[in-house]
Amino acid sequence: MGQYRRGTLIGLSLIIIGSAVISSLLAASVVARGRGGRVEGMVVSATTGEPLADVRVWLDPVPTTDPAPRRRARTDRRGRFVFTGVRPGLYRLYAQKQDYLFAEYADPQAGEAQAYLQVDDQTIISDIVIDLQPGGSVSGSIWDERGRPASGIIVKLLPLTSSGERPSTTRVNSTRTDERGQYRLSGLRPGRYILRAERHIVDQGSARLAFAYYPDADSWTSATPIDINAGETLTDINLNFHPRTESAIIAGVVVDAQTGDPLPGVSVSVVDELNLGLRTKTAADGQYRLEGLPPGTYALSTHAETIGQGYMRTWENITLASGLNVMDVELQPAPLIAGTIEYIGSGPPPAPGDFMISVHFARQSQGIRYTGQPTFEFRGLEAGRARIGVGFAALQYKLAAILYGDRDITGQAIELHPGDQLTGVRILITDDLTTASEVKEIDGVHDP
């Protein structure tokens, strides 16, 4: 594969980049027009230089108007990966393997860290090498109040900020204890962490929380931080649960805002700024109850997309005091968009993963990946101006039109009100007749 360029390893935070295109990202053109681009390379261990097999690699398209499905591959036994027939555009390239640090590729030849690849038609990018750094690991046992191994416990590592002032929730590592009460967290970046164990007991309409910080603390401020060096393995990081005396309870009923009827099966959750919280579903009478929470400020949210025709999500900041806190919730019926997907091209029809249908609002969007289904349905939408779109991963397909009744609403904004039902939307997909017979999509690895 000749001389390769090694990519800088970037964490989960995204890098804000300019719009300039770095020509050194692109190799010479060797494919015919209409066949898209090609991205290939290899993944190796940063410490030994040995190729790494079975690494998950994916290309995420940078959204312009409509999000498209990501392209996925795994490295072969020689550490190689390849994406062919890539639609022209901007992409981020990621790699991940158990016990190694998550990595985002950045080209060192681009000067400043370049967190994307530009793929053009007739181009090959073939000189990529991604170095994966081994991560640290933490393991131990969790014991319940009676000193017995506690299985099914959620164990989280929260990284402290660089100043050490508070934990961060942007890179939380989590797992569950096994039947022996043991856990292991791996692929950890160097740094200082706070370890927390959580036990959730969920019944019909209620849930109870028990938690503790390492080694036996009620809050992160009294916990003992854990320092992890690069590639370090820590064992016997054990934690004991003990009964807590002070806690808050939140309870109430969830009803339909228009009829006042109680709503069963609504997902109700509370979570604080340290990612500590509880979730349950309302009982048959619409009641819910969440116990064992430390007093403080929480986000209370509800999700009821699949109940009836669906309800709009709610989100509210609340402050919980010790003892009982009553919070009733009224839900507005949500807009619904549903319809059919129709292929009107002359070549082979799209395969699962070839495109994604989305609904865009001013502040958010929802997407449904095409899996071969002839219909689509968006529930639990918010009210406001929305636009339906389609993003493609497969090169040979494109959007012909989006129809609603006799109207062509392609690219148009639609005003959605609570309870609106837009059914009978038709999304027409076609192929590019000039290239469809020439294109063969391959998404995977080669190992001749």
Protein backbone atom coordinates (compact mmCIF):
# COMPACT_ATOMS: atom_id res chain seq x y z
CA MET A 1 0.00 0.00 0.00
CA GLY A 2 3.04 2.19 -0.22
CA GLN A 3 3.65 5.14 2.09
CA TYR A 4 0.86 5.84 4.53
CA ARG A 5 -0.09 8.86 6.53
CA ARG A 6 -0.87 8.22 10.15
CA GLY A 7 -3.89 9.97 11.50
CA THR A 8 -3.99 11.91 14.72
CA LEU A 9 -6.24 10.22 17.30
CA ILE A 10 -9.04 12.49 18.38
CA GLY A 11 -11.42 11.94 21.30
CA LEU A 12 -15.20 12.07 21.19
CA SER A 13 -15.32 15.86 20.96
CA LEU A 14 -15.80 17.17 17.45
CA ILE A 15 -13.31 19.58 15.93
CA ILE A 16 -14.66 22.77 14.40
CA ILE A 17 -13.13 23.06 10.97
CA GLY A 18 -13.02 25.53 8.15
CA SER A 19 -14.53 24.98 4.74
CA ALA A 20 -11.23 24.84 2.88
CA VAL A 21 -10.51 21.54 1.15
CA ILE A 22 -7.02 20.14 1.58
CA SER A 23 -5.93 18.71 -1.73
CA SER A 24 -3.43 16.36 -0.09
CA LEU A 25 -6.37 14.27 1.16
CA LEU A 26 -7.05 13.01 -2.32
CA ALA A 27 -5.13 10.50 -4.46
CA ALA A 28 -5.10 10.39 -8.26
CA SER A 29 -8.30 9.60 -10.13
CA VAL A 30 -8.47 6.01 -11.35
CA VAL A 31 -12.17 5.24 -11.51
CA ALA A 32 -14.73 6.10 -14.14
CA ARG A 33 -17.17 8.96 -13.62
CA GLY A 34 -20.27 7.93 -11.72
CA ARG A 35 -18.66 5.20 -9.64
CA GLY A 36 -18.08 7.44 -6.65
CA GLY A 37 -14.99 7.53 -4.48
CA ARG A 38 -12.97 4.96 -2.59
CA VAL A 39 -11.60 5.18 0.95
CA GLU A 40 -9.23 2.51 2.20
CA GLY A 41 -6.45 2.03 4.71
CA MET A 42 -5.41 0.00 7.73
CA VAL A 43 -5.62 0.03 11.52
CA VAL A 44 -2.59 -0.85 13.63
CA SER A 45 -1.60 -0.93 17.29
CA ALA A 46 0.09 2.32 18.27
CA THR A 47 2.43 0.46 20.63
CA THR A 48 3.52 -2.53 18.49
CA GLY A 49 2.67 -1.41 14.95
CA GLU A 50 0.94 -4.76 14.37
CA PRO A 51 -2.25 -4.79 12.24
CA LEU A 52 -5.48 -5.06 14.23
CA ALA A 53 -8.21 -7.35 12.96
CA ASP A 54 -11.96 -7.01 13.57
CA VAL A 55 -11.82 -3.27 14.23
CA ARG A 56 -15.09 -1.46 13.63
CA VAL A 57 -14.56 1.36 11.13
CA TRP A 58 -17.20 3.71 9.87
CA LEU A 59 -17.67 6.75 7.66
CA ASP A 60 -20.14 9.32 8.95
CA PRO A 61 -21.36 11.78 6.31
CA VAL A 62 -21.25 15.40 7.44
CA PRO A 63 -24.89 16.52 7.04
CA THR A 64 -25.59 19.26 4.56
CA THR A 65 -29.38 19.18 4.30
CA ASP A 66 -30.48 15.58 4.92
CA PRO A 67 -28.59 13.06 7.08
CA ALA A 68 -27.53 9.87 5.31
CA PRO A 69 -26.81 6.44 6.82
CA ARG A 70 -23.26 5.80 7.91
CA ARG A 71 -21.04 3.35 6.02
CA ARG A 72 -19.68 0.49 8.15
CA ALA A 73 -16.81 -1.97 7.74
CA ARG A 74 -14.54 -4.20 9.81
CA THR A 75 -10.84 -4.71 9.31
CA ASP A 76 -9.66 -8.07 7.98
CA ARG A 77 -6.84 -10.16 9.50
CA ARG A 78 -4.31 -7.81 7.91
CA GLY A 79 -5.92 -4.79 9.53
CA ARG A 80 -7.28 -3.48 6.23
CA PHE A 81 -10.59 -1.81 5.47
CA VAL A 82 -12.16 -0.43 2.30
CA PHE A 83 -15.23 1.58 1.34
CA THR A 84 -16.13 1.67 -2.36
CA GLY A 85 -18.83 3.53 -4.25
CA VAL A 86 -18.78 6.35 -1.68
CA ARG A 87 -21.07 9.24 -2.55
CA PRO A 88 -19.17 12.54 -3.01
CA GLY A 89 -19.18 14.65 0.15
CA LEU A 90 -17.52 15.28 3.49
CA TYR A 91 -17.04 12.42 5.95
CA ARG A 92 -15.65 11.71 9.38
CA LEU A 93 -13.74 8.46 9.78
CA TYR A 94 -13.82 6.57 13.09
CA ALA A 95 -12.33 3.35 14.46
CA GLN A 96 -13.13 1.41 17.62
CA LYS A 97 -12.02 -1.87 19.18
CA GLN A 98 -12.52 -3.33 22.62
CA ASP A 99 -9.70 -2.44 25.07
CA TYR A 100 -8.46 0.37 22.79
CA LEU A 101 -9.24 4.06 22.76
CA PHE A 102 -11.96 5.30 20.44
CA ALA A 103 -10.28 7.17 17.56
CA GLU A 104 -11.27 9.70 14.96
CA TYR A 105 -8.93 10.01 11.99
CA ALA A 106 -7.26 13.32 11.28
CA ASP A 107 -4.73 13.82 8.49
CA PRO A 108 -1.37 15.10 9.85
CA GLN A 109 -0.47 16.47 6.41
CA ALA A 110 -3.35 18.93 6.59
CA GLY A 111 -1.55 21.23 9.05
CA GLU A 112 -4.19 21.81 11.69
CA ALA A 113 -6.04 18.67 12.73
CA GLN A 114 -8.40 17.82 9.88
CA ALA A 115 -11.40 15.93 11.23
CA TYR A 116 -12.98 15.09 7.89
CA LEU A 117 -12.29 13.57 4.52
CA GLN A 118 -13.55 15.02 1.28
CA VAL A 119 -14.57 12.28 -1.11
CA ASP A 120 -15.09 13.25 -4.74
CA ASP A 121 -16.18 11.24 -7.74
CA GLN A 122 -13.23 9.63 -9.56
CA THR A 123 -10.99 9.75 -6.48
CA ILE A 124 -9.25 7.28 -4.21
CA ILE A 125 -7.98 7.94 -0.70
CA SER A 126 -5.77 4.96 -0.05
CA ASP A 127 -2.93 5.96 2.27
CA ILE A 128 -4.71 6.04 5.62
CA VAL A 129 -3.26 4.44 8.74
CA ILE A 130 -5.11 4.71 12.04
CA ASP A 131 -3.06 4.05 15.18
CA LEU A 132 -5.14 2.72 18.06
CA GLN A 133 -3.83 3.37 21.52
CA PRO A 134 -4.43 0.71 24.20
CA GLY A 135 -6.75 2.02 26.88
CA GLY A 136 -6.63 1.59 30.60
CA SER A 137 -8.95 -0.72 32.51
CA VAL A 138 -10.61 -0.87 35.92
CA SER A 139 -12.16 -3.96 37.51
CA GLY A 140 -13.52 -5.00 40.87
CA SER A 141 -16.54 -6.26 42.80
CA ILE A 142 -19.74 -4.67 44.07
CA TRP A 143 -21.26 -5.85 47.38
CA ASP A 144 -24.79 -5.24 48.63
CA GLU A 145 -25.87 -4.08 52.10
CA ARG A 146 -25.53 -7.63 53.46
CA GLY A 147 -22.06 -8.16 52.05
CA ARG A 148 -23.23 -10.40 49.20
CA PRO A 149 -22.11 -10.07 45.57
CA ALA A 150 -24.51 -7.71 43.76
CA SER A 151 -25.31 -8.72 40.17
CA GLY A 152 -26.86 -6.49 37.54
CA ILE A 153 -25.48 -3.32 39.13
CA ILE A 154 -24.76 -0.39 36.80
CA VAL A 155 -21.16 0.77 37.24
CA LYS A 156 -20.13 4.13 35.80
CA LEU A 157 -16.81 5.95 35.55
CA LEU A 158 -17.23 9.71 35.34
CA PRO A 159 -14.14 11.65 34.25
CA LEU A 160 -13.27 14.68 36.31
CA THR A 161 -12.76 17.93 34.43
CA SER A 162 -9.18 19.08 33.90
CA SER A 163 -9.59 21.51 36.80
CA GLY A 164 -10.96 18.70 38.97
CA GLU A 165 -13.90 20.87 39.98
CA ARG A 166 -16.61 18.42 38.98
CA PRO A 167 -17.29 15.21 37.02
CA SER A 168 -18.11 15.40 33.34
CA THR A 169 -20.90 13.46 31.64
CA THR A 170 -19.54 13.70 28.09
CA ARG A 171 -17.37 10.54 28.24
CA VAL A 172 -19.06 8.28 30.79
CA ASN A 173 -17.98 4.62 30.65
CA SER A 174 -20.52 2.15 32.00
CA THR A 175 -21.15 -1.57 32.38
CA ARG A 176 -23.07 -4.02 34.60
CA THR A 177 -21.82 -6.49 37.17
CA ASP A 178 -22.07 -10.19 36.34
CA GLU A 179 -23.67 -12.92 38.48
CA ARG A 180 -20.61 -12.82 40.79
CA GLY A 181 -20.94 -9.07 41.32
CA GLN A 182 -17.83 -8.39 39.26
CA TYR A 183 -17.32 -5.70 36.63
CA ARG A 184 -14.66 -4.54 34.18
CA LEU A 185 -14.37 -1.27 32.28
CA SER A 186 -11.77 -1.00 29.52
CA GLY A 187 -10.65 1.34 26.73
CA LEU A 188 -10.21 4.17 29.24
CA ARG A 189 -8.34 7.38 28.54
CA PRO A 190 -5.71 8.58 30.99
CA GLY A 191 -7.16 10.83 33.65
CA ARG A 192 -8.87 11.08 37.01
CA TYR A 193 -12.27 9.45 37.46
CA ILE A 194 -15.08 9.08 39.96
CA LEU A 195 -16.67 5.60 40.16
CA ARG A 196 -20.37 5.22 40.95
CA ALA A 197 -22.53 2.09 41.31
CA GLU A 198 -26.31 2.21 40.82
CA ARG A 199 -29.00 -0.33 41.58
CA HIS A 200 -32.39 0.21 39.92
CA ILE A 201 -35.39 -1.78 41.17
CA VAL A 202 -38.27 -1.30 38.74
CA ASP A 203 -41.89 -2.35 39.39
CA GLN A 204 -45.12 -1.53 37.62
CA GLY A 205 -45.45 2.25 37.78
CA SER A 206 -42.51 2.74 40.15
CA ALA A 207 -38.74 2.49 40.51
CA ARG A 208 -36.29 2.74 43.39
CA LEU A 209 -32.67 3.87 43.27
CA ALA A 210 -29.74 2.89 45.47
CA PHE A 211 -26.28 4.27 44.72
CA ALA A 212 -22.83 4.69 46.17
CA TYR A 213 -19.54 6.28 45.14
CA TYR A 214 -16.16 4.57 45.51
CA PRO A 215 -15.19 3.37 48.00
CA ASP A 216 -18.26 4.05 50.20
CA ALA A 217 -19.53 7.60 49.79
CA ASP A 218 -22.88 9.36 49.41
CA SER A 219 -21.70 11.97 46.90
CA TRP A 220 -18.92 12.53 44.40
CA THR A 221 -17.41 15.27 46.60
CA SER A 222 -16.65 12.70 49.33
CA ALA A 223 -15.61 9.95 46.90
CA THR A 224 -12.00 8.90 46.37
CA PRO A 225 -10.86 9.72 42.81
CA ILE A 226 -9.27 7.00 40.71
CA ASP A 227 -6.19 7.94 38.66
CA ILE A 228 -5.67 5.97 35.45
CA ASN A 229 -2.44 6.22 33.48
CA ALA A 230 -2.08 5.35 29.79
CA GLY A 231 -2.75 1.65 29.30
CA GLU A 232 -2.82 0.99 33.05
CA THR A 233 -4.78 -1.94 34.54
CA LEU A 234 -6.36 -1.41 37.96
CA THR A 235 -7.93 -4.30 39.85
CA ASP A 236 -9.80 -4.74 43.14
CA ILE A 237 -11.59 -1.41 42.85
CA ASN A 238 -14.42 -2.62 45.09
CA LEU A 239 -17.49 -0.83 46.39
CA ASN A 240 -20.04 -1.50 49.13
CA PHE A 241 -23.67 -0.40 49.26
CA HIS A 242 -25.01 0.92 52.58
CA PRO A 243 -28.51 2.21 53.38
CA ARG A 244 -28.95 5.96 52.84
CA THR A 245 -31.25 7.96 55.07
CA GLU A 246 -31.98 11.17 53.16
CA SER A 247 -33.74 10.83 49.81
CA ALA A 248 -36.37 12.44 47.62
CA ILE A 249 -39.46 10.90 46.06
CA ILE A 250 -41.25 12.19 42.96
CA ALA A 251 -44.73 10.93 42.15
CA GLY A 252 -47.74 11.96 40.10
CA VAL A 253 -50.11 11.10 37.32
CA VAL A 254 -49.73 11.55 33.54
CA VAL A 255 -52.88 12.47 31.61
CA ASP A 256 -54.02 13.43 28.10
CA ALA A 257 -54.10 17.24 28.04
CA GLN A 258 -57.20 17.31 25.85
CA THR A 259 -59.34 14.64 27.51
CA GLY A 260 -57.89 14.41 31.01
CA ASP A 261 -57.73 10.63 30.72
CA PRO A 262 -54.84 8.91 32.53
CA LEU A 263 -52.18 7.48 30.22
CA PRO A 264 -50.64 4.08 30.99
CA GLY A 265 -47.26 3.00 29.63
CA VAL A 266 -45.73 6.49 29.47
CA SER A 267 -41.96 6.48 30.06
CA VAL A 268 -41.14 8.95 32.85
CA SER A 269 -37.54 9.71 33.76
CA VAL A 270 -35.54 12.08 35.92
CA VAL A 271 -31.80 12.67 35.60
CA ASP A 272 -29.47 15.16 37.26
CA GLU A 273 -26.44 16.94 35.86
CA LEU A 274 -24.19 14.02 36.88
CA ASN A 275 -26.21 11.50 34.87
CA LEU A 276 -27.81 10.01 38.00
CA GLY A 277 -31.49 9.23 37.65
CA LEU A 278 -34.39 6.81 37.36
CA ARG A 279 -36.93 5.72 34.78
CA THR A 280 -40.25 3.89 34.92
CA LYS A 281 -43.51 3.58 32.98
CA THR A 282 -46.87 4.78 34.27
CA ALA A 283 -49.25 2.16 35.64
CA ALA A 284 -52.76 1.45 34.29
CA ASP A 285 -54.12 4.48 36.17
CA GLY A 286 -51.39 6.81 34.81
CA GLN A 287 -49.58 6.93 38.17
CA TYR A 288 -45.79 6.87 38.58
CA ARG A 289 -43.41 6.98 41.56
CA LEU A 290 -39.61 7.31 41.65
CA GLU A 291 -37.78 6.86 44.98
CA GLY A 292 -34.29 7.00 46.45
CA LEU A 293 -33.07 10.10 44.65
CA PRO A 294 -30.72 12.54 46.34
CA PRO A 295 -32.32 15.98 46.73
CA GLY A 296 -31.32 18.39 43.98
CA THR A 297 -32.08 19.65 40.49
CA TYR A 298 -33.26 17.24 37.80
CA ALA A 299 -34.61 17.14 34.27
CA LEU A 300 -38.04 15.49 34.22
CA SER A 301 -38.99 14.08 30.82
CA THR A 302 -41.71 11.91 29.31
CA HIS A 303 -41.80 9.77 26.17
CA ALA A 304 -45.06 8.40 24.78
CA GLU A 305 -44.50 8.05 21.04
CA THR A 306 -46.11 4.60 20.76
CA ILE A 307 -49.17 5.22 22.93
CA GLY A 308 -52.27 5.74 20.81
CA GLN A 309 -51.33 8.07 17.98
CA GLY A 310 -48.37 9.30 20.01
CA TYR A 311 -47.77 12.23 22.35
CA MET A 312 -45.31 15.10 22.28
CA ARG A 313 -42.27 14.72 24.49
CA THR A 314 -41.95 16.92 27.55
CA TRP A 315 -38.85 18.19 29.31
CA GLU A 316 -38.72 20.36 32.42
CA ASN A 317 -36.16 21.32 35.05
CA ILE A 318 -37.37 20.61 38.58
CA THR A 319 -35.94 20.80 42.10
CA LEU A 320 -36.58 17.87 44.44
CA ALA A 321 -36.56 18.28 48.20
CA SER A 322 -36.33 15.47 50.74
CA GLY A 323 -39.55 13.53 51.07
CA LEU A 324 -42.47 13.46 48.66
CA ASN A 325 -42.58 15.78 45.63
CA VAL A 326 -45.81 15.65 43.59
CA MET A 327 -45.51 16.39 39.87
CA ASP A 328 -48.46 15.73 37.53
CA VAL A 329 -47.90 15.91 33.77
CA GLU A 330 -50.26 16.72 30.88
CA LEU A 331 -49.29 15.45 27.43
CA GLN A 332 -50.37 16.94 24.14
CA PRO A 333 -51.16 14.57 21.22
CA ALA A 334 -48.21 14.66 18.84
CA PRO A 335 -48.21 15.26 15.10
CA LEU A 336 -47.91 12.10 13.02
CA ILE A 337 -46.29 11.69 9.60
CA ALA A 338 -46.70 8.37 7.81
CA GLY A 339 -46.61 7.10 4.27
CA THR A 340 -45.05 4.79 1.72
CA ILE A 341 -41.67 4.38 0.05
CA GLU A 342 -41.90 3.70 -3.68
CA TYR A 343 -39.09 2.85 -6.07
CA ILE A 344 -39.70 4.05 -9.62
CA GLY A 345 -36.27 3.39 -11.13
CA SER A 346 -35.36 0.86 -13.81
CA GLY A 347 -32.43 -0.88 -12.09
CA PRO A 348 -32.30 -3.07 -8.99
CA PRO A 349 -34.24 -1.58 -6.04
CA PRO A 350 -32.47 -0.08 -3.02
CA ALA A 351 -31.13 -2.43 -0.36
CA PRO A 352 -31.38 -1.94 3.41
CA GLY A 353 -29.13 0.89 4.52
CA ASP A 354 -29.07 2.64 1.16
CA PHE A 355 -30.91 5.73 2.41
CA MET A 356 -32.49 7.40 5.41
CA ILE A 357 -35.78 9.30 5.73
CA SER A 358 -35.78 12.28 8.09
CA VAL A 359 -37.99 15.02 9.48
CA HIS A 360 -36.24 18.30 10.26
CA PHE A 361 -37.28 20.97 12.74
CA ALA A 362 -35.49 24.17 13.69
CA ARG A 363 -33.81 22.58 16.73
CA GLN A 364 -33.80 18.85 16.06
CA SER A 365 -34.38 16.12 13.52
CA GLN A 366 -35.54 12.50 13.54
CA GLY A 367 -34.40 9.84 11.09
CA ILE A 368 -35.50 6.36 10.04
CA ARG A 369 -32.96 4.12 8.32
CA TYR A 370 -34.38 2.20 5.37
CA THR A 371 -34.34 -1.52 6.17
CA GLY A 372 -36.41 -2.75 3.23
CA GLN A 373 -39.77 -1.72 4.67
CA PRO A 374 -42.38 -0.31 2.22
CA THR A 375 -43.80 2.16 4.76
CA PHE A 376 -42.51 4.68 7.29
CA GLU A 377 -43.99 6.41 10.32
CA PHE A 378 -42.79 9.27 12.53
CA ARG A 379 -44.44 9.44 15.94
CA GLY A 380 -43.92 11.76 18.88
CA LEU A 381 -42.96 14.73 16.71
CA GLU A 382 -42.90 18.24 18.07
CA ALA A 383 -45.17 20.97 16.76
CA GLY A 384 -43.76 23.59 14.41
CA ARG A 385 -42.38 23.96 10.92
CA ALA A 386 -40.93 20.71 9.60
CA ARG A 387 -39.43 19.39 6.38
CA ILE A 388 -39.27 15.79 5.17
CA GLY A 389 -36.01 14.78 3.52
CA VAL A 390 -34.04 11.77 2.27
CA GLY A 391 -30.28 11.22 2.57
CA PHE A 392 -28.50 8.55 0.52
CA ALA A 393 -25.53 6.30 1.17
CA ALA A 394 -25.78 4.28 -2.06
CA LEU A 395 -24.43 6.13 -5.06
CA GLN A 396 -26.97 5.11 -7.69
CA TYR A 397 -30.15 6.34 -6.01
CA LYS A 398 -31.69 9.76 -5.60
CA LEU A 399 -34.94 11.40 -4.56
CA ALA A 400 -37.52 11.82 -7.30
CA ALA A 401 -40.24 13.54 -5.26
CA ILE A 402 -42.09 13.71 -1.95
CA LEU A 403 -45.85 13.88 -2.52
CA TYR A 404 -48.74 14.59 -0.17
CA GLY A 405 -52.04 14.16 -1.93
CA ASP A 406 -51.80 16.22 -5.09
CA ARG A 407 -49.00 18.41 -3.74
CA ASP A 408 -45.28 18.09 -4.36
CA ILE A 409 -43.76 18.99 -0.97
CA THR A 410 -40.15 18.19 -1.84
CA GLY A 411 -37.94 20.60 0.12
CA GLN A 412 -40.94 22.48 1.50
CA ALA A 413 -41.69 23.31 5.12
CA ILE A 414 -44.92 22.00 6.63
CA GLU A 415 -46.62 23.54 9.65
CA LEU A 416 -47.40 20.83 12.20
CA HIS A 417 -49.88 21.34 15.03
CA PRO A 418 -50.54 19.07 18.04
CA GLY A 419 -52.53 16.05 16.90
CA ASP A 420 -52.05 16.64 13.15
CA GLN A 421 -51.90 13.45 11.11
CA LEU A 422 -50.16 13.58 7.74
CA THR A 423 -50.82 10.12 6.37
CA GLY A 424 -50.51 9.07 2.76
CA VAL A 425 -47.15 10.79 2.17
CA ARG A 426 -45.38 9.17 -0.78
CA ILE A 427 -41.59 9.18 -1.11
CA LEU A 428 -40.46 8.33 -4.63
CA ILE A 429 -36.94 6.98 -5.08
CA THR A 430 -35.27 6.59 -8.47
CA ASP A 431 -31.88 5.64 -9.85
CA ASP A 432 -29.42 7.56 -11.99
CA LEU A 433 -30.02 6.02 -15.41
CA THR A 434 -26.63 7.11 -16.70
CA THR A 435 -24.70 5.18 -14.06
CA ALA A 436 -27.01 2.59 -12.50
CA SER A 437 -25.86 -0.22 -14.79
CA GLU A 438 -22.19 0.57 -14.10
CA VAL A 439 -22.28 0.88 -10.32
CA LYS A 440 -21.75 -2.03 -7.97
CA GLU A 441 -21.86 -1.12 -4.31
CA ILE A 442 -19.43 -2.97 -2.07
CA ASP A 443 -19.33 -2.16 1.65
CA GLY A 444 -16.90 -4.32 3.58
CA VAL A 445 -13.35 -5.61 3.52
CA HIS A 446 -11.10 -7.37 1.05
CA ASP A 447 -8.78 -10.18 2.06
CA PRO A 448 -7.42 -11.87 -1.10
